[in-house]
Amino acid sequence: MRNLLLLLTLSLLTSKAFAQPPTEDAPGNAPFVMGAVHKIASRQLSETRTVNIYLPDGYKASDTVYYPVIYLLDGSANEDFLHIAGLVQFFNMMQLMPPAIVVGIANIDRKRDFTFPTTVEKDKTAFPTTGGSEKFIAFIEQELQPFIERNYRTGSSKTLIGQSLGGLLATEVLYKKPALFNNYIIVSPSLWWDAESLLKQKPEFAKAAQNTNIYLVVGKEGEVMERDAKKLSEIIKENKGFKTTFHYMADEDHATILHHAVYDAFKDLY
């Protein structure tokens, strides 16, 4: 079933993300457009950022319908935007979840944006640009979310999806700014960063939005990542106000887990 779903998703989205001009051998072809691409001049990051937007079928700016928004880290067109937007389209087509807007945040330097400063010298040497997550979270809160809410018909439901270092960033948001989202899909979070210091911090869960849902998943990815994900699930479950799901996917590894994890998360959430 999962392999069939993946094939359906890819077939639905081939050449769909961005408009392509007609070719000489096929005059009159119309572009196949699934949304929009925006450039946001960020003061927080001192650079221009690209966001890719998937709009559900039938979306009209003049309509009175308000849509949930799914924010996707690693949301470049050549990263996870296409197949995650495809899952949203598929679930909506099958009437398994409501129509939703997907906001894919394209990367410039994910090691910089998704990590907080580390005290581990070998990590500083290996990844010299790291440590910019505070500014990136400020970009999401103060610039990106307001931009989306000004330009699109958005409801109150906001979901964040992040894997690996993106999962670390999603966990940091959950710990420090939990009210920014009311659904978190955290996949294979790199909680080993800075000698697992995030797990030792006191989370600001009391500031979370009501009815916060957290879907946390890890695959067969080594003792450290599996242990840290389980520890995170235990910390989160201490807050009784969250609906928390922790799933160990023994058949998946770091390279294969994201698509299947988000598929299962959508089933769990909706």
C-alpha atoms as a PDB file:
ATOM      1  CA  MET A   1       0.000   0.000   0.000  1.00  0.00           C
ATOM      2  CA  ARG A   2       2.794   2.412   0.901  1.00  0.00           C
ATOM      3  CA  ASN A   3       4.689   1.748  -2.330  1.00  0.00           C
ATOM      4  CA  LEU A   4       1.489   2.267  -4.314  1.00  0.00           C
ATOM      5  CA  LEU A   5       0.834   5.526  -2.465  1.00  0.00           C
ATOM      6  CA  LEU A   6       4.320   6.779  -3.238  1.00  0.00           C
ATOM      7  CA  LEU A   7       3.906   5.977  -6.934  1.00  0.00           C
ATOM      8  CA  LEU A   8       0.533   7.735  -7.006  1.00  0.00           C
ATOM      9  CA  THR A   9       1.994  10.769  -5.274  1.00  0.00           C
ATOM     10  CA  LEU A  10       4.907  11.053  -7.666  1.00  0.00           C
ATOM     11  CA  SER A  11       2.696  10.569 -10.709  1.00  0.00           C
ATOM     12  CA  LEU A  12       0.291  13.253  -9.513  1.00  0.00           C
ATOM     13  CA  LEU A  13       3.072  15.751  -8.954  1.00  0.00           C
ATOM     14  CA  THR A  14       5.443  15.192 -11.883  1.00  0.00           C
ATOM     15  CA  SER A  15       6.145  18.633 -13.352  1.00  0.00           C
ATOM     16  CA  LYS A  16       3.349  20.079 -11.224  1.00  0.00           C
ATOM     17  CA  ALA A  17       5.159  22.314  -8.780  1.00  0.00           C
ATOM     18  CA  PHE A  18       6.075  25.183 -11.047  1.00  0.00           C
ATOM     19  CA  ALA A  19       4.685  26.431 -14.324  1.00  0.00           C
ATOM     20  CA  GLN A  20       6.541  25.223 -17.416  1.00  0.00           C
ATOM     21  CA  PRO A  21       6.330  27.045 -20.776  1.00  0.00           C
ATOM     22  CA  PRO A  22       4.839  25.276 -23.784  1.00  0.00           C
ATOM     23  CA  THR A  23       7.345  23.366 -25.875  1.00  0.00           C
ATOM     24  CA  GLU A  24       7.778  23.790 -29.628  1.00  0.00           C
ATOM     25  CA  ASP A  25       6.544  20.280 -30.370  1.00  0.00           C
ATOM     26  CA  ALA A  26       3.410  20.786 -28.278  1.00  0.00           C
ATOM     27  CA  PRO A  27       2.149  24.325 -28.931  1.00  0.00           C
ATOM     28  CA  GLY A  28      -0.698  25.547 -26.833  1.00  0.00           C
ATOM     29  CA  ASN A  29       0.039  23.393 -23.812  1.00  0.00           C
ATOM     30  CA  ALA A  30      -1.117  25.015 -20.599  1.00  0.00           C
ATOM     31  CA  PRO A  31       1.167  25.052 -17.554  1.00  0.00           C
ATOM     32  CA  PHE A  32       0.240  22.743 -14.689  1.00  0.00           C
ATOM     33  CA  VAL A  33       0.328  24.932 -11.568  1.00  0.00           C
ATOM     34  CA  MET A  34      -0.198  23.785  -7.985  1.00  0.00           C
ATOM     35  CA  GLY A  35       0.389  27.048  -6.146  1.00  0.00           C
ATOM     36  CA  ALA A  36       2.838  29.903  -5.969  1.00  0.00           C
ATOM     37  CA  VAL A  37       6.425  30.819  -5.183  1.00  0.00           C
ATOM     38  CA  HIS A  38       7.107  33.845  -2.981  1.00  0.00           C
ATOM     39  CA  LYS A  39      10.277  35.719  -2.116  1.00  0.00           C
ATOM     40  CA  ILE A  40      10.312  37.214   1.384  1.00  0.00           C
ATOM     41  CA  ALA A  41      12.912  39.814   2.311  1.00  0.00           C
ATOM     42  CA  SER A  42      13.709  38.831   5.897  1.00  0.00           C
ATOM     43  CA  ARG A  43      15.051  41.382   8.346  1.00  0.00           C
ATOM     44  CA  GLN A  44      15.569  38.647  10.919  1.00  0.00           C
ATOM     45  CA  LEU A  45      17.825  36.654   8.599  1.00  0.00           C
ATOM     46  CA  SER A  46      19.213  39.565   6.555  1.00  0.00           C
ATOM     47  CA  GLU A  47      18.473  37.693   3.328  1.00  0.00           C
ATOM     48  CA  THR A  48      15.665  36.907   0.910  1.00  0.00           C
ATOM     49  CA  ARG A  49      13.931  33.579   1.490  1.00  0.00           C
ATOM     50  CA  THR A  50      11.883  31.483  -0.921  1.00  0.00           C
ATOM     51  CA  VAL A  51       8.632  29.833   0.143  1.00  0.00           C
ATOM     52  CA  ASN A  52       6.710  27.379  -2.018  1.00  0.00           C
ATOM     53  CA  ILE A  53       2.942  27.353  -1.572  1.00  0.00           C
ATOM     54  CA  TYR A  54       0.593  24.482  -2.378  1.00  0.00           C
ATOM     55  CA  LEU A  55      -3.039  25.553  -2.637  1.00  0.00           C
ATOM     56  CA  PRO A  56      -5.870  23.016  -2.416  1.00  0.00           C
ATOM     57  CA  ASP A  57      -8.175  22.376  -5.335  1.00  0.00           C
ATOM     58  CA  GLY A  58     -10.852  25.033  -5.567  1.00  0.00           C
ATOM     59  CA  TYR A  59      -8.952  27.611  -3.508  1.00  0.00           C
ATOM     60  CA  LYS A  60     -10.212  31.141  -4.177  1.00  0.00           C
ATOM     61  CA  ALA A  61      -8.887  34.275  -2.537  1.00  0.00           C
ATOM     62  CA  SER A  62     -12.405  35.710  -2.528  1.00  0.00           C
ATOM     63  CA  ASP A  63     -13.964  32.657  -0.876  1.00  0.00           C
ATOM     64  CA  THR A  64     -15.172  32.503   2.726  1.00  0.00           C
ATOM     65  CA  VAL A  65     -13.414  29.207   3.503  1.00  0.00           C
ATOM     66  CA  TYR A  66     -10.453  29.283   5.899  1.00  0.00           C
ATOM     67  CA  TYR A  67      -7.793  26.609   5.516  1.00  0.00           C
ATOM     68  CA  PRO A  68      -5.397  24.855   7.877  1.00  0.00           C
ATOM     69  CA  VAL A  69      -1.759  25.590   7.118  1.00  0.00           C
ATOM     70  CA  ILE A  70       1.054  23.033   7.108  1.00  0.00           C
ATOM     71  CA  TYR A  71       4.541  24.526   7.409  1.00  0.00           C
ATOM     72  CA  LEU A  72       7.244  22.274   6.017  1.00  0.00           C
ATOM     73  CA  LEU A  73      10.914  22.581   6.880  1.00  0.00           C
ATOM     74  CA  ASP A  74      13.231  21.388   4.103  1.00  0.00           C
ATOM     75  CA  GLY A  75      10.537  22.716   1.778  1.00  0.00           C
ATOM     76  CA  SER A  76      12.606  23.382  -1.343  1.00  0.00           C
ATOM     77  CA  ALA A  77      11.231  22.081  -4.640  1.00  0.00           C
ATOM     78  CA  ASN A  78      14.085  19.561  -4.832  1.00  0.00           C
ATOM     79  CA  GLU A  79      13.676  18.478  -1.203  1.00  0.00           C
ATOM     80  CA  ASP A  80      10.421  17.470   0.498  1.00  0.00           C
ATOM     81  CA  PHE A  81       7.878  19.941  -0.886  1.00  0.00           C
ATOM     82  CA  LEU A  82       6.517  17.869  -3.765  1.00  0.00           C
ATOM     83  CA  HIS A  83       5.922  14.569  -2.011  1.00  0.00           C
ATOM     84  CA  ILE A  84       4.495  16.127   1.169  1.00  0.00           C
ATOM     85  CA  ALA A  85       2.152  18.358  -0.833  1.00  0.00           C
ATOM     86  CA  GLY A  86       1.226  15.201  -2.740  1.00  0.00           C
ATOM     87  CA  LEU A  87       0.249  13.461   0.485  1.00  0.00           C
ATOM     88  CA  VAL A  88      -1.950  16.421   1.432  1.00  0.00           C
ATOM     89  CA  GLN A  89      -3.592  16.345  -2.007  1.00  0.00           C
ATOM     90  CA  PHE A  90      -4.057  12.575  -1.812  1.00  0.00           C
ATOM     91  CA  PHE A  91      -5.600  12.613   1.673  1.00  0.00           C
ATOM     92  CA  ASN A  92      -7.906  15.453   0.687  1.00  0.00           C
ATOM     93  CA  MET A  93      -8.917  13.714  -2.551  1.00  0.00           C
ATOM     94  CA  MET A  94      -9.820  10.636  -0.510  1.00  0.00           C
ATOM     95  CA  GLN A  95     -11.703  12.856   1.983  1.00  0.00           C
ATOM     96  CA  LEU A  96      -9.430  11.717   4.804  1.00  0.00           C
ATOM     97  CA  MET A  97      -8.378  15.228   5.822  1.00  0.00           C
ATOM     98  CA  PRO A  98      -9.634  18.752   5.131  1.00  0.00           C
ATOM     99  CA  PRO A  99      -8.173  20.844   2.299  1.00  0.00           C
ATOM    100  CA  ALA A 100      -4.992  22.533   3.502  1.00  0.00           C
ATOM    101  CA  ILE A 101      -2.349  25.009   2.401  1.00  0.00           C
ATOM    102  CA  VAL A 102       1.250  23.758   2.441  1.00  0.00           C
ATOM    103  CA  VAL A 103       4.061  26.267   2.997  1.00  0.00           C
ATOM    104  CA  GLY A 104       7.433  24.830   2.042  1.00  0.00           C
ATOM    105  CA  ILE A 105      10.348  26.837   3.429  1.00  0.00           C
ATOM    106  CA  ALA A 106      13.201  26.508   0.958  1.00  0.00           C
ATOM    107  CA  ASN A 107      16.661  26.105   2.425  1.00  0.00           C
ATOM    108  CA  ILE A 108      19.731  28.271   2.087  1.00  0.00           C
ATOM    109  CA  ASP A 109      21.807  26.818   4.942  1.00  0.00           C
ATOM    110  CA  ARG A 110      19.819  24.295   6.987  1.00  0.00           C
ATOM    111  CA  LYS A 111      22.764  23.543   9.308  1.00  0.00           C
ATOM    112  CA  ARG A 112      22.782  27.212  10.274  1.00  0.00           C
ATOM    113  CA  ASP A 113      19.027  27.703  10.519  1.00  0.00           C
ATOM    114  CA  PHE A 114      18.028  24.483  12.283  1.00  0.00           C
ATOM    115  CA  THR A 115      20.642  24.431  15.067  1.00  0.00           C
ATOM    116  CA  PHE A 116      21.292  26.423  18.213  1.00  0.00           C
ATOM    117  CA  PRO A 117      24.897  27.165  19.271  1.00  0.00           C
ATOM    118  CA  THR A 118      26.871  24.121  20.364  1.00  0.00           C
ATOM    119  CA  THR A 119      29.615  23.693  22.952  1.00  0.00           C
ATOM    120  CA  VAL A 120      30.947  20.585  21.213  1.00  0.00           C
ATOM    121  CA  GLU A 121      34.191  21.562  19.507  1.00  0.00           C
ATOM    122  CA  LYS A 122      34.129  18.861  16.829  1.00  0.00           C
ATOM    123  CA  ASP A 123      30.664  20.009  15.751  1.00  0.00           C
ATOM    124  CA  LYS A 124      31.860  23.613  15.543  1.00  0.00           C
ATOM    125  CA  THR A 125      34.712  22.472  13.313  1.00  0.00           C
ATOM    126  CA  ALA A 126      32.603  20.211  11.122  1.00  0.00           C
ATOM    127  CA  PHE A 127      29.703  22.669  10.810  1.00  0.00           C
ATOM    128  CA  PRO A 128      31.143  26.193  11.132  1.00  0.00           C
ATOM    129  CA  THR A 129      27.955  28.066  10.163  1.00  0.00           C
ATOM    130  CA  THR A 130      25.687  26.491  12.770  1.00  0.00           C
ATOM    131  CA  GLY A 131      23.877  28.225  15.602  1.00  0.00           C
ATOM    132  CA  GLY A 132      21.229  30.373  13.895  1.00  0.00           C
ATOM    133  CA  SER A 133      17.981  28.760  15.020  1.00  0.00           C
ATOM    134  CA  GLU A 134      16.910  31.684  17.222  1.00  0.00           C
ATOM    135  CA  LYS A 135      16.847  34.013  14.211  1.00  0.00           C
ATOM    136  CA  PHE A 136      15.147  31.395  12.055  1.00  0.00           C
ATOM    137  CA  ILE A 137      12.395  30.852  14.627  1.00  0.00           C
ATOM    138  CA  ALA A 138      11.951  34.633  14.790  1.00  0.00           C
ATOM    139  CA  PHE A 139      11.624  34.643  10.994  1.00  0.00           C
ATOM    140  CA  ILE A 140       8.853  32.042  11.210  1.00  0.00           C
ATOM    141  CA  GLU A 141       7.021  33.842  14.003  1.00  0.00           C
ATOM    142  CA  GLN A 142       7.434  37.489  13.030  1.00  0.00           C
ATOM    143  CA  GLU A 143       7.664  37.376   9.246  1.00  0.00           C
ATOM    144  CA  LEU A 144       6.573  34.122   7.625  1.00  0.00           C
ATOM    145  CA  GLN A 145       3.390  33.362   9.553  1.00  0.00           C
ATOM    146  CA  PRO A 146       2.130  36.980   9.301  1.00  0.00           C
ATOM    147  CA  PHE A 147       2.910  36.975   5.554  1.00  0.00           C
ATOM    148  CA  ILE A 148       0.923  33.782   4.983  1.00  0.00           C
ATOM    149  CA  GLU A 149      -1.967  35.025   7.107  1.00  0.00           C
ATOM    150  CA  ARG A 150      -2.093  38.346   5.214  1.00  0.00           C
ATOM    151  CA  ASN A 151      -2.049  36.771   1.774  1.00  0.00           C
ATOM    152  CA  TYR A 152      -4.049  33.553   2.180  1.00  0.00           C
ATOM    153  CA  ARG A 153      -7.287  32.438   3.787  1.00  0.00           C
ATOM    154  CA  THR A 154      -5.841  30.729   6.847  1.00  0.00           C
ATOM    155  CA  GLY A 155      -7.628  29.154   9.786  1.00  0.00           C
ATOM    156  CA  SER A 156      -6.375  28.591  13.319  1.00  0.00           C
ATOM    157  CA  SER A 157      -4.815  25.186  12.643  1.00  0.00           C
ATOM    158  CA  LYS A 158      -1.044  25.353  12.070  1.00  0.00           C
ATOM    159  CA  THR A 159       1.156  22.284  11.646  1.00  0.00           C
ATOM    160  CA  LEU A 160       4.962  22.092  11.626  1.00  0.00           C
ATOM    161  CA  ILE A 161       6.804  19.189   9.946  1.00  0.00           C
ATOM    162  CA  GLY A 162      10.527  18.635  10.433  1.00  0.00           C
ATOM    163  CA  GLN A 163      12.932  15.729  10.009  1.00  0.00           C
ATOM    164  CA  SER A 164      16.512  15.200  11.233  1.00  0.00           C
ATOM    165  CA  LEU A 165      17.964  18.678  11.895  1.00  0.00           C
ATOM    166  CA  GLY A 166      14.499  19.905  10.942  1.00  0.00           C
ATOM    167  CA  GLY A 167      13.177  17.656  13.707  1.00  0.00           C
ATOM    168  CA  LEU A 168      15.638  19.288  16.094  1.00  0.00           C
ATOM    169  CA  LEU A 169      14.327  22.711  15.061  1.00  0.00           C
ATOM    170  CA  ALA A 170      10.719  21.563  15.453  1.00  0.00           C
ATOM    171  CA  THR A 171      11.541  20.274  18.941  1.00  0.00           C
ATOM    172  CA  GLU A 172      13.194  23.585  19.840  1.00  0.00           C
ATOM    173  CA  VAL A 173      10.058  25.435  18.717  1.00  0.00           C
ATOM    174  CA  LEU A 174       7.947  23.059  20.809  1.00  0.00           C
ATOM    175  CA  TYR A 175      10.185  23.671  23.824  1.00  0.00           C
ATOM    176  CA  LYS A 176      10.539  27.446  23.518  1.00  0.00           C
ATOM    177  CA  LYS A 177       7.603  28.749  21.433  1.00  0.00           C
ATOM    178  CA  PRO A 178       5.005  25.967  21.614  1.00  0.00           C
ATOM    179  CA  ALA A 179       2.048  28.225  20.801  1.00  0.00           C
ATOM    180  CA  LEU A 180       3.381  28.897  17.287  1.00  0.00           C
ATOM    181  CA  PHE A 181       1.801  25.623  16.138  1.00  0.00           C
ATOM    182  CA  ASN A 182      -0.905  23.318  17.418  1.00  0.00           C
ATOM    183  CA  ASN A 183       0.283  20.256  15.482  1.00  0.00           C
ATOM    184  CA  TYR A 184       3.876  19.029  15.454  1.00  0.00           C
ATOM    185  CA  ILE A 185       5.106  16.190  13.250  1.00  0.00           C
ATOM    186  CA  ILE A 186       8.642  15.504  14.454  1.00  0.00           C
ATOM    187  CA  VAL A 187      10.532  12.851  12.520  1.00  0.00           C
ATOM    188  CA  SER A 188      13.956  11.435  13.485  1.00  0.00           C
ATOM    189  CA  PRO A 189      14.979  14.527  15.456  1.00  0.00           C
ATOM    190  CA  SER A 190      18.749  15.120  15.767  1.00  0.00           C
ATOM    191  CA  LEU A 191      18.578  15.542  19.526  1.00  0.00           C
ATOM    192  CA  TRP A 192      22.205  14.457  19.829  1.00  0.00           C
ATOM    193  CA  TRP A 193      23.121  18.034  18.904  1.00  0.00           C
ATOM    194  CA  ASP A 194      25.181  19.845  21.562  1.00  0.00           C
ATOM    195  CA  ALA A 195      25.504  16.702  23.686  1.00  0.00           C
ATOM    196  CA  GLU A 196      21.693  16.357  23.936  1.00  0.00           C
ATOM    197  CA  SER A 197      21.412  19.674  25.765  1.00  0.00           C
ATOM    198  CA  LEU A 198      17.871  20.424  24.535  1.00  0.00           C
ATOM    199  CA  LEU A 199      16.527  17.396  26.397  1.00  0.00           C
ATOM    200  CA  LYS A 200      17.993  18.836  29.601  1.00  0.00           C
ATOM    201  CA  GLN A 201      16.185  22.161  29.287  1.00  0.00           C
ATOM    202  CA  LYS A 202      12.844  22.953  30.896  1.00  0.00           C
ATOM    203  CA  PRO A 203      10.230  23.204  28.141  1.00  0.00           C
ATOM    204  CA  GLU A 204       7.661  26.006  28.013  1.00  0.00           C
ATOM    205  CA  PHE A 205       4.784  23.592  27.543  1.00  0.00           C
ATOM    206  CA  ALA A 206       2.480  25.675  29.723  1.00  0.00           C
ATOM    207  CA  LYS A 207       2.451  28.286  26.937  1.00  0.00           C
ATOM    208  CA  ALA A 208       1.292  25.811  24.287  1.00  0.00           C
ATOM    209  CA  ALA A 209      -1.909  26.284  22.352  1.00  0.00           C
ATOM    210  CA  GLN A 210      -4.903  24.309  23.525  1.00  0.00           C
ATOM    211  CA  ASN A 211      -5.406  20.888  21.965  1.00  0.00           C
ATOM    212  CA  THR A 212      -1.800  20.574  20.824  1.00  0.00           C
ATOM    213  CA  ASN A 213      -1.093  17.352  18.942  1.00  0.00           C
ATOM    214  CA  ILE A 214       2.396  15.888  18.711  1.00  0.00           C
ATOM    215  CA  TYR A 215       3.349  13.005  16.446  1.00  0.00           C
ATOM    216  CA  LEU A 216       6.901  11.837  17.127  1.00  0.00           C
ATOM    217  CA  VAL A 217       8.515   9.057  15.123  1.00  0.00           C
ATOM    218  CA  VAL A 218      11.927   7.451  14.737  1.00  0.00           C
ATOM    219  CA  GLY A 219      13.107   4.503  12.675  1.00  0.00           C
ATOM    220  CA  LYS A 220      15.960   2.069  12.863  1.00  0.00           C
ATOM    221  CA  GLU A 221      18.522   4.865  13.096  1.00  0.00           C
ATOM    222  CA  GLY A 222      21.019   3.899  15.752  1.00  0.00           C
ATOM    223  CA  GLU A 223      21.052   3.724  19.516  1.00  0.00           C
ATOM    224  CA  VAL A 224      21.496   7.452  20.164  1.00  0.00           C
ATOM    225  CA  MET A 225      18.690   8.742  17.929  1.00  0.00           C
ATOM    226  CA  GLU A 226      16.293   6.029  19.034  1.00  0.00           C
ATOM    227  CA  ARG A 227      17.051   6.603  22.729  1.00  0.00           C
ATOM    228  CA  ASP A 228      16.742  10.380  22.428  1.00  0.00           C
ATOM    229  CA  ALA A 229      13.425  10.189  20.572  1.00  0.00           C
ATOM    230  CA  LYS A 230      12.024   7.892  23.243  1.00  0.00           C
ATOM    231  CA  LYS A 231      13.264  10.247  25.966  1.00  0.00           C
ATOM    232  CA  LEU A 232      11.603  13.176  24.220  1.00  0.00           C
ATOM    233  CA  SER A 233       8.327  11.267  24.058  1.00  0.00           C
ATOM    234  CA  GLU A 234       8.512  10.636  27.811  1.00  0.00           C
ATOM    235  CA  ILE A 235       9.125  14.326  28.507  1.00  0.00           C
ATOM    236  CA  ILE A 236       6.239  15.386  26.281  1.00  0.00           C
ATOM    237  CA  LYS A 237       3.852  12.843  27.779  1.00  0.00           C
ATOM    238  CA  GLU A 238       4.421  14.351  31.218  1.00  0.00           C
ATOM    239  CA  ASN A 239       2.249  17.215  29.973  1.00  0.00           C
ATOM    240  CA  LYS A 240      -1.267  15.829  30.122  1.00  0.00           C
ATOM    241  CA  GLY A 241      -2.626  18.615  27.930  1.00  0.00           C
ATOM    242  CA  PHE A 242      -1.004  17.185  24.801  1.00  0.00           C
ATOM    243  CA  LYS A 243      -2.256  14.435  22.579  1.00  0.00           C
ATOM    244  CA  THR A 244       1.023  12.627  21.987  1.00  0.00           C
ATOM    245  CA  THR A 245       1.818   9.718  19.686  1.00  0.00           C
ATOM    246  CA  PHE A 246       5.244   8.068  19.657  1.00  0.00           C
ATOM    247  CA  HIS A 247       5.895   5.551  16.919  1.00  0.00           C
ATOM    248  CA  TYR A 248       8.968   3.415  16.298  1.00  0.00           C
ATOM    249  CA  MET A 249       9.133   2.410  12.628  1.00  0.00           C
ATOM    250  CA  ALA A 250      11.433  -0.607  12.625  1.00  0.00           C
ATOM    251  CA  ASP A 251      11.209  -1.050   8.841  1.00  0.00           C
ATOM    252  CA  GLU A 252      12.428   2.479   8.050  1.00  0.00           C
ATOM    253  CA  ASP A 253      15.813   4.178   8.260  1.00  0.00           C
ATOM    254  CA  HIS A 254      16.899   7.827   8.139  1.00  0.00           C
ATOM    255  CA  ALA A 255      16.612   7.949   4.350  1.00  0.00           C
ATOM    256  CA  THR A 256      13.201   6.298   3.960  1.00  0.00           C
ATOM    257  CA  ILE A 257      11.206   7.351   6.998  1.00  0.00           C
ATOM    258  CA  LEU A 258       9.806  10.808   6.242  1.00  0.00           C
ATOM    259  CA  HIS A 259       7.158  10.021   3.617  1.00  0.00           C
ATOM    260  CA  HIS A 260       5.790   7.035   5.529  1.00  0.00           C
ATOM    261  CA  ALA A 261       5.933   8.909   8.834  1.00  0.00           C
ATOM    262  CA  VAL A 262       3.922  11.863   7.522  1.00  0.00           C
ATOM    263  CA  TYR A 263       1.424   9.479   5.930  1.00  0.00           C
ATOM    264  CA  ASP A 264       0.891   7.799   9.318  1.00  0.00           C
ATOM    265  CA  ALA A 265       0.835  11.162  11.105  1.00  0.00           C
ATOM    266  CA  PHE A 266      -1.972  12.415   8.877  1.00  0.00           C
ATOM    267  CA  LYS A 267      -3.962   9.270   9.655  1.00  0.00           C
ATOM    268  CA  ASP A 268      -3.362   9.847  13.366  1.00  0.00           C
ATOM    269  CA  LEU A 269      -4.251  13.548  13.286  1.00  0.00           C
ATOM    270  CA  TYR A 270      -7.282  13.325  11.026  1.00  0.00           C
END
